[in-house]
Amino acid sequence: MLKCKETSGKLSPRETRGRFTLIELLVVIAIISILASMLLPALGQVKQTTQKTQCLSNLKQVMLAGMQYAVDWEDYLYCGGSCWVSALAEKTGYLPAESSLALCPSLEPEKYVDKWQTYGGRLVSSTPTHLRNYVTYEDNNNLFLPLKKIRYPALYMQYGDAQEAGTKKQNCAVDISVSSRTIRFSMIHRGRCNLAFLDGHVEGMEGQDFLDSCKKEYILQQNVTIHYLDQFGIDRSKWFQKQ
């Protein structure tokens, strides 16, 4: 009779060759964790860059709509009482109604909810005092800024990233020069604010560049304190003297 060969219960080298030991498995897990920790911030930066680019594109469309509106209305641009979206989209169709073009993708609500939670637009109270003398009033909710009276259109931002202090939500009614207001242009893109200017161009600005641009129209005839929100949502301001 054939006898079965007794075995010791140990696996042969051939049998163990394809298996991980516990130490090897832990090493693999550690390497994967390290790679993930290195990759995730990079992916986050890619997302932020994409959102910033989309934001600039949206603002370009908004500003082009505003410029077309002004051309058709004898160089007058709507500047509040009510929300700017009413003038450019809901009432006139220069922008699609309820469109995400009116929002920054980096801030809540990210998709269109209502006309009040959109890019910020400067109200008449956020214009230099001497320019307000030329604002045309149709009624309390329809105020129009004469673009021909603005000396530095390439430095005069009209629309941009904005939020109310203490929140992470967009808000359309911006004031940059009244201390009691809390809705400001905001440096939400890693310390930069995307803005659309009255000459049609858009760009991202850091706080000091923002202040230097804002002051130009004001200091022609008045002292002014200009406000903005930093990347942490904190109100920052600087006083400028008439020159």
Foldseek 3Di string as FASTA:
>chain_A
DDDDDDDPPDDDCVVCVPDDDPVRVVVVVVVVVVVCVVVVVVVVLVVLVVLVVLLQVLQLLVLVLQLVLCVVVVQWGWAWPPFSCCVRDVPPNSDDPQALSQARCLFPPNGRDDRFQGWAFEHLLQAAPVQNVVWDDPDRTTIIGRPVPFDCQVLAFGTWFKDFQPDRTHGHYAHFFDPVGGIFQELQSQQWIWTATNVSHIDTHHDVSNVVSSCPRHLCPAKTKTWHATNVRDIDIDIDHRD
